[in-house]
Amino acid sequence: MAVIPDGATFEEFTQYVIARRGEVPLEELKELWERRLRLKSVTVARGETMRNMLPPEDRDLTVREREKKIISEARAAGHEPIYQGRRWV
């Protein structure tokens, strides 16, 4: 077995570890199992939810490109945008 499956039980995990490392104390197996569960629970936010809230024509733009577009639209409408905090108003 090259990689243990995501849905593996503690017993399957134990067999996998013993096959790779030989005899391992039960306490260490429990610590490894808990670490594995913590690592499996990590999720990575890639900004897709926020991107889906944008209009279709803005979804493929980078943050800088969207910023330039907002500034140029504001100037075209006769406004001079002012940078406050982390956004243009």
Protein backbone atom coordinates (compact mmCIF):
# COMPACT_ATOMS: atom_id res chain seq x y z
CA MET A 1 0.00 0.00 0.00
CA ALA A 2 1.67 3.21 -1.13
CA VAL A 3 -0.66 5.73 0.53
CA ILE A 4 -3.34 5.09 3.12
CA PRO A 5 -6.87 5.98 1.88
CA ASP A 6 -8.71 8.99 3.32
CA GLY A 7 -11.44 6.92 4.95
CA ALA A 8 -9.05 4.48 6.66
CA THR A 9 -9.86 3.28 10.17
CA PHE A 10 -7.44 3.37 13.09
CA GLU A 11 -6.77 -0.35 12.60
CA GLU A 12 -5.90 0.15 8.91
CA PHE A 13 -3.72 3.09 9.86
CA THR A 14 -1.97 0.98 12.49
CA GLN A 15 -1.27 -1.79 9.97
CA TYR A 16 0.08 0.78 7.51
CA VAL A 17 2.43 2.38 10.07
CA ILE A 18 3.69 -0.99 11.36
CA ALA A 19 4.37 -2.15 7.79
CA ARG A 20 6.39 1.04 7.13
CA ARG A 21 8.22 1.46 10.45
CA GLY A 22 8.03 -1.85 12.27
CA GLU A 23 6.94 -1.98 15.91
CA VAL A 24 5.61 1.35 17.18
CA PRO A 25 4.33 1.98 20.74
CA LEU A 26 0.54 2.37 21.05
CA GLU A 27 0.90 5.87 22.50
CA GLU A 28 2.87 7.01 19.44
CA LEU A 29 0.29 5.40 17.14
CA LYS A 30 -2.46 7.38 18.89
CA GLU A 31 -0.47 10.61 18.52
CA LEU A 32 0.16 9.91 14.83
CA TRP A 33 -3.54 9.13 14.30
CA GLU A 34 -4.60 12.39 15.98
CA ARG A 35 -2.07 14.33 13.89
CA ARG A 36 -3.39 12.67 10.73
CA LEU A 37 -6.97 13.62 11.63
CA ARG A 38 -5.93 17.24 12.27
CA LEU A 39 -4.08 17.41 8.95
CA LYS A 40 -7.04 15.91 7.08
CA SER A 41 -9.34 18.59 8.54
CA VAL A 42 -7.32 21.49 7.08
CA THR A 43 -8.98 23.27 4.19
CA VAL A 44 -7.48 25.80 1.80
CA ALA A 45 -9.45 28.89 0.86
CA ARG A 46 -8.73 29.82 -2.74
CA GLY A 47 -11.15 32.74 -2.98
CA GLU A 48 -13.59 30.95 -5.28
CA THR A 49 -16.64 31.90 -3.21
CA MET A 50 -15.74 35.57 -3.35
CA ARG A 51 -14.90 35.28 -7.03
CA ASN A 52 -18.33 33.74 -7.74
CA MET A 53 -20.00 36.78 -6.14
CA LEU A 54 -18.35 39.09 -8.68
CA PRO A 55 -19.97 39.96 -12.00
CA PRO A 56 -19.03 37.48 -14.77
CA GLU A 57 -16.78 40.00 -16.54
CA ASP A 58 -14.71 40.55 -13.34
CA ARG A 59 -14.20 36.91 -12.33
CA ASP A 60 -11.01 36.38 -14.32
CA LEU A 61 -9.37 39.65 -13.27
CA THR A 62 -6.62 39.84 -10.68
CA VAL A 63 -7.05 42.09 -7.64
CA ARG A 64 -4.89 44.79 -9.25
CA GLU A 65 -6.82 44.59 -12.53
CA ARG A 66 -10.14 44.93 -10.67
CA GLU A 67 -8.74 47.88 -8.72
CA LYS A 68 -7.65 49.62 -11.94
CA LYS A 69 -11.06 48.95 -13.49
CA ILE A 70 -12.90 50.43 -10.48
CA ILE A 71 -10.68 53.53 -10.49
CA SER A 72 -11.07 54.08 -14.23
CA GLU A 73 -14.88 53.65 -14.00
CA ALA A 74 -15.03 56.14 -11.13
CA ARG A 75 -12.93 58.68 -13.03
CA ALA A 76 -15.06 58.18 -16.14
CA ALA A 77 -18.12 58.99 -14.02
CA GLY A 78 -16.47 62.23 -12.84
CA HIS A 79 -15.36 61.08 -9.38
CA GLU A 80 -11.87 61.14 -7.95
CA PRO A 81 -11.43 57.97 -5.88
CA ILE A 82 -9.67 58.27 -2.51
CA TYR A 83 -7.84 55.36 -0.89
CA GLN A 84 -9.04 54.84 2.70
CA GLY A 85 -7.81 51.95 4.76
CA ARG A 86 -7.81 48.99 2.43
CA ARG A 87 -10.26 50.17 -0.22
CA TRP A 88 -11.12 52.94 -2.60
CA VAL A 89 -14.08 55.23 -1.86
